[in-house]
PDB file of N, CA and C in Angstrom:
ATOM      1  N   MET A   1       4.744 -15.596  -0.860  1.00  0.00           N
ATOM      2  CA  MET A   1       5.523 -14.468   0.189  1.00  0.00           C
ATOM      3  C   MET A   1       4.988 -13.741   1.182  1.00  0.00           C
ATOM      4  N   ASN A   2       5.280 -14.282   2.495  1.00  0.00           N
ATOM      5  CA  ASN A   2       4.799 -13.877   4.230  1.00  0.00           C
ATOM      6  C   ASN A   2       5.462 -12.492   4.275  1.00  0.00           C
ATOM      7  N   ALA A   3       4.283 -12.233   5.159  1.00  0.00           N
ATOM      8  CA  ALA A   3       4.052 -10.738   5.417  1.00  0.00           C
ATOM      9  C   ALA A   3       5.086  -9.848   5.652  1.00  0.00           C
ATOM     10  N   ALA A   4       5.945 -10.878   6.523  1.00  0.00           N
ATOM     11  CA  ALA A   4       7.106 -10.120   6.707  1.00  0.00           C
ATOM     12  C   ALA A   4       8.506  -9.832   5.274  1.00  0.00           C
ATOM     13  N   THR A   5       8.043 -10.484   4.494  1.00  0.00           N
ATOM     14  CA  THR A   5       8.949 -10.299   3.269  1.00  0.00           C
ATOM     15  C   THR A   5       8.534  -9.585   2.721  1.00  0.00           C
ATOM     16  N   MET A   6       7.211  -9.014   2.675  1.00  0.00           N
ATOM     17  CA  MET A   6       6.208  -7.669   2.343  1.00  0.00           C
ATOM     18  C   MET A   6       6.184  -6.629   3.312  1.00  0.00           C
ATOM     19  N   GLY A   7       6.559  -7.003   3.264  1.00  0.00           N
ATOM     20  CA  GLY A   7       6.957  -5.753   5.161  1.00  0.00           C
ATOM     21  C   GLY A   7       7.799  -5.574   4.865  1.00  0.00           C
ATOM     22  N   LEU A   8       8.818  -5.749   4.690  1.00  0.00           N
ATOM     23  CA  LEU A   8      11.119  -5.517   4.671  1.00  0.00           C
ATOM     24  C   LEU A   8      10.579  -4.641   3.205  1.00  0.00           C
ATOM     25  N   GLY A   9       9.870  -5.303   2.180  1.00  0.00           N
ATOM     26  CA  GLY A   9      10.030  -4.416   0.930  1.00  0.00           C
ATOM     27  C   GLY A   9       9.676  -2.960   1.381  1.00  0.00           C
ATOM     28  N   ALA A  10       8.603  -3.185   2.028  1.00  0.00           N
ATOM     29  CA  ALA A  10       8.023  -1.818   1.076  1.00  0.00           C
ATOM     30  C   ALA A  10       8.926  -1.101   2.696  1.00  0.00           C
ATOM     31  N   GLY A  11       9.332  -1.531   3.622  1.00  0.00           N
ATOM     32  CA  GLY A  11       9.878  -0.393   4.363  1.00  0.00           C
ATOM     33  C   GLY A  11      11.630  -0.003   4.223  1.00  0.00           C
ATOM     34  N   MET A  12      11.584  -1.133   3.023  1.00  0.00           N
ATOM     35  CA  MET A  12      12.646  -0.491   2.034  1.00  0.00           C
ATOM     36  C   MET A  12      12.142   0.573   0.470  1.00  0.00           C
ATOM     37  N   ALA A  13      11.769   0.195   0.715  1.00  0.00           N
ATOM     38  CA  ALA A  13      11.054   0.837  -0.488  1.00  0.00           C
ATOM     39  C   ALA A  13      10.819   2.521  -0.325  1.00  0.00           C
ATOM     40  N   LEU A  14      10.451   2.492   1.326  1.00  0.00           N
ATOM     41  CA  LEU A  14       9.738   3.518   1.607  1.00  0.00           C
ATOM     42  C   LEU A  14      11.106   4.045   2.070  1.00  0.00           C
ATOM     43  N   GLY A  15      11.717   3.509   3.081  1.00  0.00           N
ATOM     44  CA  GLY A  15      13.442   4.232   3.334  1.00  0.00           C
ATOM     45  C   GLY A  15      13.842   4.483   1.947  1.00  0.00           C
ATOM     46  N   PHE A  16      14.276   4.496   1.202  1.00  0.00           N
ATOM     47  CA  PHE A  16      15.048   4.910  -0.209  1.00  0.00           C
ATOM     48  C   PHE A  16      14.331   5.854  -1.225  1.00  0.00           C
ATOM     49  N   ALA A  17      12.522   6.093  -1.202  1.00  0.00           N
ATOM     50  CA  ALA A  17      12.423   7.340  -1.528  1.00  0.00           C
ATOM     51  C   ALA A  17      12.338   8.230  -0.569  1.00  0.00           C
ATOM     52  N   GLY A  18      12.712   7.705   1.117  1.00  0.00           N
ATOM     53  CA  GLY A  18      13.065   9.484   2.060  1.00  0.00           C
ATOM     54  C   GLY A  18      13.467   9.686   1.454  1.00  0.00           C
ATOM     55  N   TYR A  19      15.273   9.181   1.282  1.00  0.00           N
ATOM     56  CA  TYR A  19      16.385   9.158   0.972  1.00  0.00           C
ATOM     57  C   TYR A  19      17.138  10.093   0.331  1.00  0.00           C
ATOM     58  N   PHE A  20      16.204   9.214  -0.877  1.00  0.00           N
ATOM     59  CA  PHE A  20      16.492  10.207  -2.231  1.00  0.00           C
ATOM     60  C   PHE A  20      15.408  11.271  -2.693  1.00  0.00           C
ATOM     61  N   GLY A  21      14.439  10.724  -2.597  1.00  0.00           N
ATOM     62  CA  GLY A  21      13.471  12.309  -2.847  1.00  0.00           C
ATOM     63  C   GLY A  21      12.834  12.849  -2.113  1.00  0.00           C
ATOM     64  N   GLY A  22      12.979  12.492  -0.956  1.00  0.00           N
ATOM     65  CA  GLY A  22      12.740  14.185   0.262  1.00  0.00           C
ATOM     66  C   GLY A  22      11.206  13.002   1.085  1.00  0.00           C
ATOM     67  N   PHE A  23      11.041  14.240   1.491  1.00  0.00           N
ATOM     68  CA  PHE A  23       9.508  14.234   2.215  1.00  0.00           C
ATOM     69  C   PHE A  23       8.104  13.667   1.766  1.00  0.00           C
ATOM     70  N   TRP A  24       8.691  14.432   0.072  1.00  0.00           N
ATOM     71  CA  TRP A  24       6.495  14.311  -0.760  1.00  0.00           C
ATOM     72  C   TRP A  24       7.453  12.910  -1.600  1.00  0.00           C
ATOM     73  N   ALA A  25       8.681  11.855  -2.009  1.00  0.00           N
ATOM     74  CA  ALA A  25       8.503  11.518  -2.583  1.00  0.00           C
ATOM     75  C   ALA A  25       7.749  10.422  -1.967  1.00  0.00           C
ATOM     76  N   PHE A  26       8.765  10.411  -0.768  1.00  0.00           N
ATOM     77  CA  PHE A  26       8.347   9.765   0.484  1.00  0.00           C
ATOM     78  C   PHE A  26       6.494   9.283   1.199  1.00  0.00           C
ATOM     79  N   LEU A  27       5.653  10.373   0.671  1.00  0.00           N
ATOM     80  CA  LEU A  27       4.165  10.190   1.042  1.00  0.00           C
ATOM     81  C   LEU A  27       3.805   9.278  -0.067  1.00  0.00           C
ATOM     82  N   LEU A  28       4.418  10.111  -1.548  1.00  0.00           N
ATOM     83  CA  LEU A  28       3.658   9.434  -2.970  1.00  0.00           C
ATOM     84  C   LEU A  28       3.912   8.226  -2.425  1.00  0.00           C
ATOM     85  N   VAL A  29       4.743   7.194  -2.463  1.00  0.00           N
ATOM     86  CA  VAL A  29       5.315   6.089  -2.087  1.00  0.00           C
ATOM     87  C   VAL A  29       4.186   5.324  -1.124  1.00  0.00           C
ATOM     88  N   LEU A  30       3.763   6.024  -0.509  1.00  0.00           N
ATOM     89  CA  LEU A  30       2.820   5.112   1.107  1.00  0.00           C
ATOM     90  C   LEU A  30       2.261   5.364   0.395  1.00  0.00           C
ATOM     91  N   VAL A  31       1.230   6.410  -0.202  1.00  0.00           N
ATOM     92  CA  VAL A  31       0.220   6.514  -0.497  1.00  0.00           C
ATOM     93  C   VAL A  31      -0.242   5.588  -2.172  1.00  0.00           C
ATOM     94  N   LEU A  32       0.502   5.634  -2.572  1.00  0.00           N
ATOM     95  CA  LEU A  32       0.251   4.756  -3.574  1.00  0.00           C
ATOM     96  C   LEU A  32       0.557   3.224  -3.091  1.00  0.00           C
ATOM     97  N   GLY A  33       1.676   3.064  -2.579  1.00  0.00           N
ATOM     98  CA  GLY A  33       1.468   1.997  -1.896  1.00  0.00           C
ATOM     99  C   GLY A  33       0.756   1.156  -0.694  1.00  0.00           C
ATOM    100  N   ALA A  34      -0.308   1.542   0.182  1.00  0.00           N
ATOM    101  CA  ALA A  34      -1.245   1.832   0.256  1.00  0.00           C
ATOM    102  C   ALA A  34      -2.784   1.246  -0.473  1.00  0.00           C
ATOM    103  N   ALA A  35      -3.010   2.120  -1.677  1.00  0.00           N
ATOM    104  CA  ALA A  35      -3.804   1.846  -2.656  1.00  0.00           C
ATOM    105  C   ALA A  35      -3.585   0.645  -2.683  1.00  0.00           C
ATOM    106  N   GLY A  36      -2.801   0.632  -3.434  1.00  0.00           N
ATOM    107  CA  GLY A  36      -2.264  -1.019  -3.885  1.00  0.00           C
ATOM    108  C   GLY A  36      -2.459  -1.749  -3.393  1.00  0.00           C
ATOM    109  N   LEU A  37      -2.501  -2.285  -1.748  1.00  0.00           N
ATOM    110  CA  LEU A  37      -3.076  -2.919  -0.577  1.00  0.00           C
ATOM    111  C   LEU A  37      -3.800  -2.939  -0.846  1.00  0.00           C
ATOM    112  N   VAL A  38      -4.746  -2.068  -0.508  1.00  0.00           N
ATOM    113  CA  VAL A  38      -6.787  -2.463  -0.709  1.00  0.00           C
ATOM    114  C   VAL A  38      -6.771  -3.119  -1.936  1.00  0.00           C
ATOM    115  N   VAL A  39      -6.292  -2.461  -3.207  1.00  0.00           N
ATOM    116  CA  VAL A  39      -6.473  -3.346  -4.603  1.00  0.00           C
ATOM    117  C   VAL A  39      -6.278  -4.237  -4.444  1.00  0.00           C
ATOM    118  N   GLY A  40      -5.439  -4.649  -4.099  1.00  0.00           N
ATOM    119  CA  GLY A  40      -5.053  -6.446  -3.781  1.00  0.00           C
ATOM    120  C   GLY A  40      -5.894  -7.273  -3.127  1.00  0.00           C
ATOM    121  N   LEU A  41      -5.828  -6.716  -2.112  1.00  0.00           N
ATOM    122  CA  LEU A  41      -6.938  -7.629  -0.784  1.00  0.00           C
ATOM    123  C   LEU A  41      -7.900  -7.986  -1.036  1.00  0.00           C
ATOM    124  N   VAL A  42      -8.587  -6.489  -2.549  1.00  0.00           N
ATOM    125  CA  VAL A  42     -10.185  -6.734  -2.637  1.00  0.00           C
ATOM    126  C   VAL A  42      -9.936  -7.932  -3.657  1.00  0.00           C
ATOM    127  N   LEU A  43      -9.305  -8.062  -4.165  1.00  0.00           N
ATOM    128  CA  LEU A  43      -9.104  -8.750  -5.708  1.00  0.00           C
ATOM    129  C   LEU A  43      -8.640 -10.334  -4.745  1.00  0.00           C
ATOM    130  N   GLN A  44      -7.908 -10.324  -3.991  1.00  0.00           N
ATOM    131  CA  GLN A  44      -7.265 -11.624  -3.611  1.00  0.00           C
ATOM    132  C   GLN A  44      -8.953 -12.186  -2.933  1.00  0.00           C
ATOM    133  N   GLY A  45      -9.751 -10.647  -2.636  1.00  0.00           N
ATOM    134  CA  GLY A  45     -10.983 -11.977  -1.800  1.00  0.00           C
ATOM    135  C   GLY A  45     -10.554 -11.706  -0.349  1.00  0.00           C
ATOM    136  N   ASP A  46      -9.637 -11.203   0.398  1.00  0.00           N
ATOM    137  CA  ASP A  46      -8.923 -10.657   2.043  1.00  0.00           C
ATOM    138  C   ASP A  46     -10.138  -9.681   2.420  1.00  0.00           C
ATOM    139  N   LEU A  47     -10.679  -9.183   1.651  1.00  0.00           N
ATOM    140  CA  LEU A  47     -11.104  -7.934   2.038  1.00  0.00           C
ATOM    141  C   LEU A  47     -12.760  -6.896   1.464  1.00  0.00           C
ATOM    142  N   ASP A  48     -13.959  -7.322   1.939  1.00  0.00           N
ATOM    143  CA  ASP A  48     -15.102  -6.763   1.671  1.00  0.00           C
ATOM    144  C   ASP A  48     -15.176  -5.859   1.898  1.00  0.00           C
ATOM    145  N   LEU A  49     -15.388  -4.605   0.697  1.00  0.00           N
ATOM    146  CA  LEU A  49     -16.387  -2.861   1.187  1.00  0.00           C
ATOM    147  C   LEU A  49     -17.744  -3.168   0.399  1.00  0.00           C
ATOM    148  N   PRO A  50     -18.251  -3.042   1.149  1.00  0.00           N
ATOM    149  CA  PRO A  50     -19.804  -3.222   1.262  1.00  0.00           C
ATOM    150  C   PRO A  50     -19.844  -1.821  -0.068  1.00  0.00           C
ATOM    151  N   ALA A  51     -21.136  -2.935  -0.813  1.00  0.00           N
ATOM    152  CA  ALA A  51     -22.235  -2.196  -1.726  1.00  0.00           C
ATOM    153  C   ALA A  51     -22.419  -0.964  -1.564  1.00  0.00           C
ATOM    154  N   ARG A  52     -23.195   0.029  -2.019  1.00  0.00           N
ATOM    155  CA  ARG A  52     -23.304   1.208  -1.312  1.00  0.00           C
ATOM    156  C   ARG A  52     -25.251   1.194  -1.960  1.00  0.00           C
ATOM    157  N   ARG A  53     -26.177   1.166  -1.005  1.00  0.00           N
ATOM    158  CA  ARG A  53     -27.352   0.538  -0.850  1.00  0.00           C
ATOM    159  C   ARG A  53     -28.343   1.205  -2.024  1.00  0.00           C
ATOM    160  N   GLN A  54     -29.475   1.248  -2.920  1.00  0.00           N
ATOM    161  CA  GLN A  54     -29.591   2.206  -3.223  1.00  0.00           C
ATOM    162  C   GLN A  54     -31.099   2.385  -2.866  1.00  0.00           C
ATOM    163  N   ARG A  55     -31.687   3.478  -3.146  1.00  0.00           N
ATOM    164  CA  ARG A  55     -32.919   4.370  -2.398  1.00  0.00           C
ATOM    165  C   ARG A  55     -33.781   4.001  -3.573  1.00  0.00           C
TER     166      ARG A  55
END
């Protein structure tokens, strides 16, 4: 699935949440979508989060 298709799906999901659920549903879908994106990128290996240093 390419980036344009993913963006279209995300935009449609946010649009439906905003229209049917209101502002707070829109924000919830936005935050959970962003969290899912970060987790997916980490699992795929495209995002490398730095490890905490030991003292």
